[in-house]
């Protein structure tokens, strides 16, 4: 485990059910997305997969999904509810950005590469897609007290954002639904913790999840205050 993750902030897992997989995680590398920009140092990308070996986010064959692609709403993660991982206040929301209805791997790769090389603060919305930002006081690992943190949830389905700025939320409240807007290669949840609300200046904070289960050798094993490994199959508890 990366040394910085030993000081992780503990929050609830923001998704429900099983079949979730962190295809990007700080357990694999830090910065997890290859950059500290936009508070992403310890960010996660969660997709939902089926029982086939590998990373199958869509019921079509691997050949189809890797060439011509498939409908975004047919992906397992699409439309899944996203839940508040701690109690707090909604700081910002954005909704109404159109969704790409067809996931084409070549187009998505091109868009992601172009966005990386042409990014400006004015294009932040095209990176995040529809998103929610909340603020709250959360626990530090090992009972070392509490601190203020900000959590970001990106790429949500248009029209699905269920909260408004200034609204109080409790743990488990639905914030929106997983989608394919912004800088997204397929329907997934991009989740991160930060030390401030301004993504242009915020620093990413290490995050662990209070309780979930991981599948190993066909059985589910409980994990407490854990950081999901890359391509581990996990489920909420």
Protein backbone atom coordinates (compact mmCIF):
# COMPACT_ATOMS: atom_id res chain seq x y z
CA UNK A 1 0.00 0.00 0.00
CA UNK A 2 1.22 3.50 -0.84
CA UNK A 3 2.40 5.30 2.32
CA UNK A 4 -0.07 8.15 1.83
CA UNK A 5 -2.99 5.72 1.95
CA UNK A 6 -2.15 4.86 5.56
CA UNK A 7 -3.60 8.28 6.46
CA UNK A 8 -6.76 7.71 4.42
CA UNK A 9 -10.09 9.30 5.25
CA UNK A 10 -12.83 6.73 5.86
CA UNK A 11 -16.20 7.12 4.11
CA UNK A 12 -19.05 4.81 3.13
CA UNK A 13 -18.99 3.06 -0.23
CA UNK A 14 -21.03 5.24 -2.65
CA UNK A 15 -22.51 2.43 -4.74
CA UNK A 16 -24.86 -0.49 -4.04
CA UNK A 17 -25.01 -4.12 -5.07
CA UNK A 18 -22.24 -6.32 -6.46
CA UNK A 19 -20.19 -6.48 -9.63
CA UNK A 20 -18.36 -3.20 -9.03
CA UNK A 21 -14.74 -2.93 -10.05
CA UNK A 22 -12.21 -0.14 -9.56
CA UNK A 23 -10.45 0.11 -12.91
CA UNK A 24 -8.59 3.15 -11.60
CA UNK A 25 -7.57 3.20 -7.95
CA UNK A 26 -4.80 4.62 -5.75
CA UNK A 27 -4.16 1.04 -4.62
CA UNK A 28 -2.58 0.55 -8.06
CA UNK A 29 -0.64 3.81 -8.35
CA UNK A 30 -0.51 7.36 -7.02
CA UNK A 31 -1.51 9.65 -8.66
CA UNK A 32 -4.20 7.20 -9.69
CA UNK A 33 -5.06 9.07 -12.89
CA UNK A 34 -1.46 10.00 -13.66
CA UNK A 35 -1.88 13.60 -12.54
CA UNK A 36 -2.51 15.72 -9.45
CA UNK A 37 -4.61 18.18 -11.47
CA UNK A 38 -8.25 18.75 -10.52
CA UNK A 39 -7.79 17.09 -7.12
CA UNK A 40 -7.43 13.64 -8.74
CA UNK A 41 -4.39 12.32 -6.88
CA UNK A 42 -6.37 9.56 -5.11
CA UNK A 43 -9.44 9.35 -7.40
CA UNK A 44 -11.34 6.17 -8.26
CA UNK A 45 -13.14 5.04 -11.41
CA UNK A 46 -15.80 2.38 -10.72
CA UNK A 47 -17.42 0.29 -13.47
CA UNK A 48 -19.92 -2.54 -13.10
CA UNK A 49 -19.08 -5.91 -14.66
CA UNK A 50 -20.69 -9.31 -15.19
CA UNK A 51 -19.42 -12.75 -14.19
CA UNK A 52 -17.13 -13.28 -17.18
CA UNK A 53 -13.41 -13.19 -16.55
CA UNK A 54 -11.91 -9.80 -17.30
CA UNK A 55 -13.55 -6.39 -17.49
CA UNK A 56 -16.89 -6.78 -19.30
CA UNK A 57 -18.95 -3.63 -18.74
CA UNK A 58 -21.53 -4.48 -21.44
CA UNK A 59 -23.38 -7.75 -22.27
CA UNK A 60 -22.01 -7.82 -25.83
CA UNK A 61 -18.93 -9.83 -26.73
CA UNK A 62 -15.49 -8.46 -26.00
CA UNK A 63 -14.89 -8.12 -29.75
CA UNK A 64 -17.97 -5.93 -30.21
CA UNK A 65 -17.36 -3.69 -27.21
CA UNK A 66 -13.71 -3.17 -28.19
CA UNK A 67 -14.50 -2.34 -31.83
CA UNK A 68 -17.94 -1.00 -32.71
CA UNK A 69 -18.99 -0.52 -29.06
CA UNK A 70 -22.54 -0.58 -27.70
CA UNK A 71 -25.35 1.50 -26.24
CA UNK A 72 -24.37 3.40 -23.11
CA UNK A 73 -27.62 2.53 -21.33
CA UNK A 74 -26.96 -1.19 -21.88
CA UNK A 75 -23.76 -1.00 -19.83
CA UNK A 76 -24.23 -2.55 -16.38
CA UNK A 77 -23.23 0.62 -14.51
CA UNK A 78 -25.55 2.95 -16.42
CA UNK A 79 -28.33 4.42 -14.30
CA UNK A 80 -27.11 2.91 -11.03
CA UNK A 81 -27.76 5.21 -8.05
CA UNK A 82 -24.88 7.10 -6.47
CA UNK A 83 -25.17 7.55 -2.69
CA UNK A 84 -23.70 10.11 -0.32
CA UNK A 85 -20.73 8.48 1.48
CA UNK A 86 -21.04 10.85 4.43
CA UNK A 87 -23.46 13.43 5.82
CA UNK A 88 -22.90 16.98 4.71
CA UNK A 89 -23.96 19.84 2.47
CA UNK A 90 -24.19 19.99 -1.30
CA UNK A 91 -21.71 22.61 -2.51
CA UNK A 92 -22.27 22.48 -6.27
CA UNK A 93 -24.16 20.57 -8.93
CA UNK A 94 -24.25 20.49 -12.70
CA UNK A 95 -26.89 18.72 -14.78
CA UNK A 96 -28.28 18.75 -18.30
CA UNK A 97 -25.09 18.00 -20.25
CA UNK A 98 -26.03 15.66 -23.09
CA UNK A 99 -24.92 12.05 -22.93
CA UNK A 100 -23.24 10.13 -25.72
CA UNK A 101 -25.73 7.34 -26.32
CA UNK A 102 -23.25 5.00 -27.99
CA UNK A 103 -19.96 3.95 -26.38
CA UNK A 104 -17.30 3.68 -29.08
CA UNK A 105 -13.82 2.92 -27.71
CA UNK A 106 -11.96 4.70 -30.50
CA UNK A 107 -14.01 7.87 -30.17
CA UNK A 108 -13.81 7.85 -26.37
CA UNK A 109 -10.03 7.44 -26.48
CA UNK A 110 -9.73 10.27 -28.98
CA UNK A 111 -11.93 12.58 -26.90
CA UNK A 112 -10.05 11.81 -23.69
CA UNK A 113 -6.69 12.43 -25.35
CA UNK A 114 -7.86 15.67 -26.95
CA UNK A 115 -9.29 16.93 -23.66
CA UNK A 116 -6.02 16.18 -21.87
CA UNK A 117 -3.98 18.22 -24.34
CA UNK A 118 -6.42 21.10 -24.79
CA UNK A 119 -7.72 21.50 -21.23
CA UNK A 120 -8.50 24.98 -19.94
CA UNK A 121 -10.55 25.99 -16.87
CA UNK A 122 -13.37 26.99 -19.21
CA UNK A 123 -13.61 23.37 -20.39
CA UNK A 124 -14.00 21.92 -16.89
CA UNK A 125 -17.64 21.00 -17.52
CA UNK A 126 -16.69 18.93 -20.57
CA UNK A 127 -14.29 16.95 -18.37
CA UNK A 128 -16.60 16.34 -15.40
CA UNK A 129 -19.87 15.95 -17.24
CA UNK A 130 -22.89 16.16 -14.95
CA UNK A 131 -21.58 16.15 -11.40
CA UNK A 132 -22.14 16.78 -7.69
CA UNK A 133 -19.82 18.17 -5.02
CA UNK A 134 -20.55 17.78 -1.30
CA UNK A 135 -18.78 18.93 1.87
CA UNK A 136 -18.73 17.29 5.30
CA UNK A 137 -16.81 16.37 8.46
CA UNK A 138 -15.49 12.81 8.34
CA UNK A 139 -13.35 10.41 10.38
CA UNK A 140 -9.65 9.81 9.95
CA UNK A 141 -8.27 6.26 10.07
CA UNK A 142 -7.19 5.07 13.51
CA UNK A 143 -9.44 7.39 15.49
CA UNK A 144 -7.19 10.40 14.87
CA UNK A 145 -10.08 12.83 14.81
CA UNK A 146 -12.18 14.40 12.08
CA UNK A 147 -11.63 16.88 9.27
CA UNK A 148 -13.52 18.77 6.62
CA UNK A 149 -13.46 17.16 3.18
CA UNK A 150 -15.09 17.64 -0.19
CA UNK A 151 -16.29 14.71 -2.33
CA UNK A 152 -16.80 14.86 -6.09
CA UNK A 153 -18.98 12.56 -8.24
CA UNK A 154 -18.63 12.92 -12.01
CA UNK A 155 -20.11 11.67 -15.34
CA UNK A 156 -23.72 11.39 -14.11
CA UNK A 157 -26.75 10.73 -16.33
CA UNK A 158 -28.38 13.94 -17.57
CA UNK A 159 -31.48 14.76 -15.57
CA UNK A 160 -30.51 12.40 -12.74
CA UNK A 161 -28.95 14.84 -10.26
CA UNK A 162 -31.27 14.60 -7.26
CA UNK A 163 -29.86 17.36 -5.03
CA UNK A 164 -29.36 21.12 -5.16
CA UNK A 165 -26.67 23.46 -3.84
CA UNK A 166 -27.09 24.20 -0.14
CA UNK A 167 -29.10 21.04 0.52
CA UNK A 168 -28.19 18.88 3.51
CA UNK A 169 -27.69 15.17 2.78
CA UNK A 170 -27.43 12.14 5.05
CA UNK A 171 -25.29 9.06 4.53
CA UNK A 172 -26.90 6.96 1.82
CA UNK A 173 -29.00 9.70 0.21
CA UNK A 174 -29.15 9.39 -3.58
CA UNK A 175 -27.17 12.15 -5.32
CA UNK A 176 -27.59 11.09 -8.95
CA UNK A 177 -27.06 8.15 -11.28
CA UNK A 178 -24.03 6.71 -13.05
CA UNK A 179 -23.76 7.89 -16.63
CA UNK A 180 -21.54 8.59 -19.62
CA UNK A 181 -21.09 12.36 -19.75
CA UNK A 182 -17.90 14.37 -19.93
CA UNK A 183 -14.48 12.70 -20.14
CA UNK A 184 -15.86 9.15 -19.86
CA UNK A 185 -14.71 6.03 -21.69
CA UNK A 186 -17.85 4.09 -20.64
CA UNK A 187 -20.57 4.57 -18.01
CA UNK A 188 -18.76 4.73 -14.67
CA UNK A 189 -18.52 6.70 -11.45
CA UNK A 190 -15.51 8.94 -10.98
CA UNK A 191 -15.18 9.57 -7.24
CA UNK A 192 -12.62 11.58 -5.30
CA UNK A 193 -12.00 13.39 -2.02
CA UNK A 194 -10.38 16.85 -1.89
CA UNK A 195 -9.38 19.52 0.60
CA UNK A 196 -11.37 22.30 -1.08
CA UNK A 197 -14.25 23.03 -3.47
CA UNK A 198 -12.22 24.63 -6.28
CA UNK A 199 -10.89 21.87 -8.52
CA UNK A 200 -8.27 24.21 -9.99
CA UNK A 201 -6.55 24.54 -6.60
CA UNK A 202 -7.81 21.59 -4.52
CA UNK A 203 -5.49 18.80 -3.45
CA UNK A 204 -6.68 15.20 -3.56
CA UNK A 205 -7.08 13.37 -0.27
CA UNK A 206 -6.54 9.63 0.31
CA UNK A 207 -9.79 7.72 0.76
CA UNK A 208 -10.70 4.34 2.23
CA UNK A 209 -14.15 2.73 2.41
CA UNK A 210 -15.63 1.81 5.78
CA UNK A 211 -17.03 -1.58 4.78
CA UNK A 212 -17.40 -3.62 1.62
CA UNK A 213 -16.75 -7.16 0.43
CA UNK A 214 -14.23 -8.40 -2.13
CA UNK A 215 -14.55 -11.57 -4.19
CA UNK A 216 -11.63 -13.99 -4.01
CA UNK A 217 -11.66 -17.60 -5.21
CA UNK A 218 -15.42 -17.56 -5.65
CA UNK A 219 -16.18 -16.35 -2.11
CA UNK A 220 -16.94 -12.93 -0.65
CA UNK A 221 -14.65 -11.60 2.09
CA UNK A 222 -15.38 -8.58 4.31
CA UNK A 223 -13.05 -5.59 4.23
CA UNK A 224 -12.96 -2.75 6.76
CA UNK A 225 -11.38 0.65 6.08
CA UNK A 226 -10.06 -0.70 2.80
CA UNK A 227 -8.83 0.58 -0.55
CA UNK A 228 -10.14 -1.59 -3.43
CA UNK A 229 -7.39 -3.04 -5.58
CA UNK A 230 -7.28 -2.61 -9.33
CA UNK A 231 -9.84 -4.89 -10.98
CA UNK A 232 -10.97 -6.44 -7.71
CA UNK A 233 -14.66 -7.34 -7.75
CA UNK A 234 -16.36 -5.65 -4.82
CA UNK A 235 -19.85 -5.25 -3.45
CA UNK A 236 -21.53 -3.06 -0.88
CA UNK A 237 -22.63 -4.33 2.53
